PDB file of N, CA and C in Angstrom:
ATOM      1  N   MET A   1       0.815  -1.269   0.079  1.00  0.00           N
ATOM      2  CA  MET A   1      -0.101   0.084  -0.001  1.00  0.00           C
ATOM      3  C   MET A   1       0.816   1.163   0.027  1.00  0.00           C
ATOM      4  N   VAL A   2       0.366   2.079  -0.865  1.00  0.00           N
ATOM      5  CA  VAL A   2       1.347   3.510  -0.880  1.00  0.00           C
ATOM      6  C   VAL A   2       0.829   4.412   0.061  1.00  0.00           C
ATOM      7  N   PRO A   3       1.770   5.045   0.851  1.00  0.00           N
ATOM      8  CA  PRO A   3       1.468   5.889   1.705  1.00  0.00           C
ATOM      9  C   PRO A   3       0.598   7.077   1.334  1.00  0.00           C
ATOM     10  N   ALA A   4      -0.259   7.955   2.086  1.00  0.00           N
ATOM     11  CA  ALA A   4      -0.964   8.968   1.563  1.00  0.00           C
ATOM     12  C   ALA A   4       0.016  10.220   1.272  1.00  0.00           C
ATOM     13  N   ALA A   5       1.126  10.305   1.933  1.00  0.00           N
ATOM     14  CA  ALA A   5       1.970  11.360   1.562  1.00  0.00           C
ATOM     15  C   ALA A   5       2.762  11.425   0.075  1.00  0.00           C
ATOM     16  N   VAL A   6       2.766  10.117  -0.024  1.00  0.00           N
ATOM     17  CA  VAL A   6       3.614   9.742  -1.347  1.00  0.00           C
ATOM     18  C   VAL A   6       2.449  10.188  -2.596  1.00  0.00           C
ATOM     19  N   VAL A   7       1.103   9.808  -2.229  1.00  0.00           N
ATOM     20  CA  VAL A   7       0.087  10.162  -3.454  1.00  0.00           C
ATOM     21  C   VAL A   7       0.038  11.521  -3.438  1.00  0.00           C
ATOM     22  N   PHE A   8      -0.069  12.333  -2.549  1.00  0.00           N
ATOM     23  CA  PHE A   8      -0.093  13.721  -2.410  1.00  0.00           C
ATOM     24  C   PHE A   8       0.933  14.457  -2.844  1.00  0.00           C
ATOM     25  N   SER A   9       2.237  14.018  -2.796  1.00  0.00           N
ATOM     26  CA  SER A   9       3.426  14.574  -3.463  1.00  0.00           C
ATOM     27  C   SER A   9       3.345  14.268  -4.771  1.00  0.00           C
ATOM     28  N   VAL A  10       2.801  13.099  -5.196  1.00  0.00           N
ATOM     29  CA  VAL A  10       2.819  12.854  -6.883  1.00  0.00           C
ATOM     30  C   VAL A  10       1.799  13.781  -7.367  1.00  0.00           C
ATOM     31  N   ALA A  11       0.481  13.929  -6.861  1.00  0.00           N
ATOM     32  CA  ALA A  11      -0.419  14.918  -7.059  1.00  0.00           C
ATOM     33  C   ALA A  11       0.177  16.339  -7.250  1.00  0.00           C
ATOM     34  N   ALA A  12       0.865  16.955  -6.258  1.00  0.00           N
ATOM     35  CA  ALA A  12       1.278  18.364  -6.203  1.00  0.00           C
ATOM     36  C   ALA A  12       2.155  18.348  -7.306  1.00  0.00           C
ATOM     37  N   VAL A  13       3.051  17.356  -7.786  1.00  0.00           N
ATOM     38  CA  VAL A  13       4.132  17.638  -8.872  1.00  0.00           C
ATOM     39  C   VAL A  13       3.164  17.748 -10.167  1.00  0.00           C
ATOM     40  N   VAL A  14       2.326  16.674 -10.428  1.00  0.00           N
ATOM     41  CA  VAL A  14       1.438  16.617 -11.501  1.00  0.00           C
ATOM     42  C   VAL A  14       0.905  18.097 -11.685  1.00  0.00           C
ATOM     43  N   PHE A  15       0.136  18.614 -10.696  1.00  0.00           N
ATOM     44  CA  PHE A  15      -0.675  19.778 -10.852  1.00  0.00           C
ATOM     45  C   PHE A  15       0.277  21.046 -11.025  1.00  0.00           C
ATOM     46  N   LEU A  16       1.587  20.943 -10.381  1.00  0.00           N
ATOM     47  CA  LEU A  16       2.381  22.252 -10.651  1.00  0.00           C
ATOM     48  C   LEU A  16       2.940  22.094 -11.834  1.00  0.00           C
ATOM     49  N   SER A  17       3.309  20.957 -12.428  1.00  0.00           N
ATOM     50  CA  SER A  17       3.603  20.753 -13.983  1.00  0.00           C
ATOM     51  C   SER A  17       2.693  21.380 -14.881  1.00  0.00           C
ATOM     52  N   LEU A  18       1.211  20.960 -14.646  1.00  0.00           N
ATOM     53  CA  LEU A  18       0.414  21.360 -15.479  1.00  0.00           C
ATOM     54  C   LEU A  18       0.252  22.883 -15.402  1.00  0.00           C
ATOM     55  N   ALA A  19       0.551  23.421 -14.289  1.00  0.00           N
ATOM     56  CA  ALA A  19       0.413  24.752 -14.183  1.00  0.00           C
ATOM     57  C   ALA A  19       1.637  25.603 -15.058  1.00  0.00           C
ATOM     58  N   ALA A  20       2.723  24.812 -14.888  1.00  0.00           N
ATOM     59  CA  ALA A  20       3.947  25.207 -15.612  1.00  0.00           C
ATOM     60  C   ALA A  20       3.573  25.399 -17.156  1.00  0.00           C
ATOM     61  N   VAL A  21       3.116  24.144 -17.646  1.00  0.00           N
ATOM     62  CA  VAL A  21       2.625  23.891 -18.938  1.00  0.00           C
ATOM     63  C   VAL A  21       1.985  24.952 -19.377  1.00  0.00           C
ATOM     64  N   ARG A  22       0.694  25.494 -18.526  1.00  0.00           N
ATOM     65  CA  ARG A  22      -0.190  26.231 -18.866  1.00  0.00           C
ATOM     66  C   ARG A  22       0.452  27.733 -19.077  1.00  0.00           C
ATOM     67  N   LEU A  23       1.480  27.934 -17.993  1.00  0.00           N
ATOM     68  CA  LEU A  23       1.923  29.292 -18.199  1.00  0.00           C
ATOM     69  C   LEU A  23       2.624  29.479 -19.323  1.00  0.00           C
ATOM     70  N   VAL A  24       3.592  28.424 -19.711  1.00  0.00           N
ATOM     71  CA  VAL A  24       4.230  28.583 -20.957  1.00  0.00           C
ATOM     72  C   VAL A  24       3.376  28.720 -22.236  1.00  0.00           C
ATOM     73  N   HIS A  25       2.096  28.131 -22.218  1.00  0.00           N
ATOM     74  CA  HIS A  25       1.098  28.020 -23.517  1.00  0.00           C
ATOM     75  C   HIS A  25       0.660  29.483 -23.384  1.00  0.00           C
ATOM     76  N   ASP A  26       0.543  30.074 -22.262  1.00  0.00           N
ATOM     77  CA  ASP A  26      -0.210  31.518 -22.184  1.00  0.00           C
ATOM     78  C   ASP A  26       0.994  32.621 -22.459  1.00  0.00           C
ATOM     79  N   GLY A  27       2.036  32.279 -22.552  1.00  0.00           N
ATOM     80  CA  GLY A  27       3.339  33.301 -22.823  1.00  0.00           C
ATOM     81  C   GLY A  27       3.616  34.046 -21.593  1.00  0.00           C
ATOM     82  N   GLY A  28       3.590  33.175 -20.298  1.00  0.00           N
ATOM     83  CA  GLY A  28       4.031  33.679 -19.248  1.00  0.00           C
ATOM     84  C   GLY A  28       3.055  34.532 -18.407  1.00  0.00           C
ATOM     85  N   LYS A  29       1.915  34.906 -18.924  1.00  0.00           N
ATOM     86  CA  LYS A  29       0.785  35.470 -18.319  1.00  0.00           C
ATOM     87  C   LYS A  29       0.170  34.557 -17.342  1.00  0.00           C
ATOM     88  N   LEU A  30      -0.333  34.933 -16.094  1.00  0.00           N
ATOM     89  CA  LEU A  30      -1.007  34.172 -15.205  1.00  0.00           C
ATOM     90  C   LEU A  30      -2.558  34.253 -15.167  1.00  0.00           C
ATOM     91  N   ALA A  31      -2.959  33.336 -15.944  1.00  0.00           N
ATOM     92  CA  ALA A  31      -4.441  33.474 -16.414  1.00  0.00           C
ATOM     93  C   ALA A  31      -5.107  32.798 -15.209  1.00  0.00           C
ATOM     94  N   PRO A  32      -6.371  32.869 -15.178  1.00  0.00           N
ATOM     95  CA  PRO A  32      -7.210  32.212 -13.992  1.00  0.00           C
ATOM     96  C   PRO A  32      -7.041  30.649 -14.290  1.00  0.00           C
ATOM     97  N   ALA A  33      -6.812  30.099 -15.255  1.00  0.00           N
ATOM     98  CA  ALA A  33      -6.594  28.663 -15.390  1.00  0.00           C
ATOM     99  C   ALA A  33      -5.483  28.228 -14.696  1.00  0.00           C
ATOM    100  N   SER A  34      -4.200  29.040 -14.892  1.00  0.00           N
ATOM    101  CA  SER A  34      -3.004  28.957 -14.375  1.00  0.00           C
ATOM    102  C   SER A  34      -2.861  29.135 -12.851  1.00  0.00           C
ATOM    103  N   ARG A  35      -3.566  29.776 -12.447  1.00  0.00           N
ATOM    104  CA  ARG A  35      -3.850  30.362 -11.078  1.00  0.00           C
ATOM    105  C   ARG A  35      -4.644  29.000 -10.332  1.00  0.00           C
ATOM    106  N   THR A  36      -5.289  28.563 -11.037  1.00  0.00           N
ATOM    107  CA  THR A  36      -6.154  27.348 -10.427  1.00  0.00           C
ATOM    108  C   THR A  36      -5.196  26.153 -10.306  1.00  0.00           C
ATOM    109  N   TRP A  37      -4.432  25.873 -11.331  1.00  0.00           N
ATOM    110  CA  TRP A  37      -3.612  24.888 -11.275  1.00  0.00           C
ATOM    111  C   TRP A  37      -2.603  25.068 -10.273  1.00  0.00           C
ATOM    112  N   LEU A  38      -2.089  26.081 -10.022  1.00  0.00           N
ATOM    113  CA  LEU A  38      -1.032  26.546  -9.121  1.00  0.00           C
ATOM    114  C   LEU A  38      -1.621  26.312  -7.706  1.00  0.00           C
ATOM    115  N   LEU A  39      -2.983  26.807  -7.584  1.00  0.00           N
ATOM    116  CA  LEU A  39      -3.544  26.757  -6.191  1.00  0.00           C
ATOM    117  C   LEU A  39      -3.795  25.389  -5.589  1.00  0.00           C
ATOM    118  N   VAL A  40      -4.318  24.535  -6.834  1.00  0.00           N
ATOM    119  CA  VAL A  40      -4.426  22.830  -6.264  1.00  0.00           C
ATOM    120  C   VAL A  40      -3.244  22.450  -6.049  1.00  0.00           C
ATOM    121  N   GLY A  41      -2.163  22.507  -6.782  1.00  0.00           N
ATOM    122  CA  GLY A  41      -0.763  21.952  -6.616  1.00  0.00           C
ATOM    123  C   GLY A  41      -0.154  22.391  -5.296  1.00  0.00           C
ATOM    124  N   ALA A  42      -0.411  23.541  -4.935  1.00  0.00           N
ATOM    125  CA  ALA A  42       0.130  24.108  -3.601  1.00  0.00           C
ATOM    126  C   ALA A  42      -0.543  23.431  -2.516  1.00  0.00           C
ATOM    127  N   VAL A  43      -2.104  23.231  -2.594  1.00  0.00           N
ATOM    128  CA  VAL A  43      -2.684  22.571  -1.569  1.00  0.00           C
ATOM    129  C   VAL A  43      -2.164  21.254  -1.388  1.00  0.00           C
ATOM    130  N   PHE A  44      -1.948  20.392  -2.524  1.00  0.00           N
ATOM    131  CA  PHE A  44      -1.593  19.129  -2.503  1.00  0.00           C
ATOM    132  C   PHE A  44      -0.267  18.963  -1.915  1.00  0.00           C
ATOM    133  N   ALA A  45       0.691  20.126  -2.264  1.00  0.00           N
ATOM    134  CA  ALA A  45       2.057  20.127  -1.591  1.00  0.00           C
ATOM    135  C   ALA A  45       2.064  20.184  -0.179  1.00  0.00           C
ATOM    136  N   VAL A  46       1.120  21.034   0.327  1.00  0.00           N
ATOM    137  CA  VAL A  46       1.129  21.493   1.813  1.00  0.00           C
ATOM    138  C   VAL A  46       0.686  20.242   2.497  1.00  0.00           C
ATOM    139  N   VAL A  47      -0.511  19.637   2.015  1.00  0.00           N
ATOM    140  CA  VAL A  47      -0.947  18.566   2.503  1.00  0.00           C
ATOM    141  C   VAL A  47       0.225  17.241   2.649  1.00  0.00           C
ATOM    142  N   ALA A  48       0.844  17.132   1.664  1.00  0.00           N
ATOM    143  CA  ALA A  48       1.958  16.048   1.641  1.00  0.00           C
ATOM    144  C   ALA A  48       3.016  16.407   2.647  1.00  0.00           C
ATOM    145  N   ILE A  49       3.335  17.670   2.755  1.00  0.00           N
ATOM    146  CA  ILE A  49       4.231  18.110   3.726  1.00  0.00           C
ATOM    147  C   ILE A  49       3.810  17.613   5.224  1.00  0.00           C
ATOM    148  N   TRP A  50       2.598  18.150   5.534  1.00  0.00           N
ATOM    149  CA  TRP A  50       1.889  18.013   6.601  1.00  0.00           C
ATOM    150  C   TRP A  50       1.860  16.566   6.911  1.00  0.00           C
ATOM    151  N   LEU A  51       1.545  15.675   5.993  1.00  0.00           N
ATOM    152  CA  LEU A  51       1.531  14.059   6.264  1.00  0.00           C
ATOM    153  C   LEU A  51       2.899  13.675   6.544  1.00  0.00           C
ATOM    154  N   SER A  52       3.867  14.032   5.978  1.00  0.00           N
ATOM    155  CA  SER A  52       5.074  13.373   6.116  1.00  0.00           C
ATOM    156  C   SER A  52       5.837  13.964   7.500  1.00  0.00           C
ATOM    157  N   LEU A  53       5.410  15.205   7.833  1.00  0.00           N
ATOM    158  CA  LEU A  53       5.850  15.611   9.218  1.00  0.00           C
ATOM    159  C   LEU A  53       5.054  14.981  10.354  1.00  0.00           C
ATOM    160  N   ARG A  54       3.840  14.485  10.113  1.00  0.00           N
ATOM    161  CA  ARG A  54       3.105  14.042  11.150  1.00  0.00           C
ATOM    162  C   ARG A  54       3.442  12.617  11.477  1.00  0.00           C
ATOM    163  N   VAL A  55       3.850  11.843  10.646  1.00  0.00           N
ATOM    164  CA  VAL A  55       4.179  10.547  10.779  1.00  0.00           C
ATOM    165  C   VAL A  55       5.442  10.115  11.762  1.00  0.00           C
TER     166      VAL A  55
END
């Protein structure tokens, strides 16, 4: 079984990567879609850090 911290870490990397792709696609402008990808990635990253420190 995979620990939850690892799952959240992978999800954070995926969402932050998608945000980077979206930023490049938009020419560096921070569009609402880019902000959403960044926000979701940041939330997953914070939860992953919290879970890894809690164990």
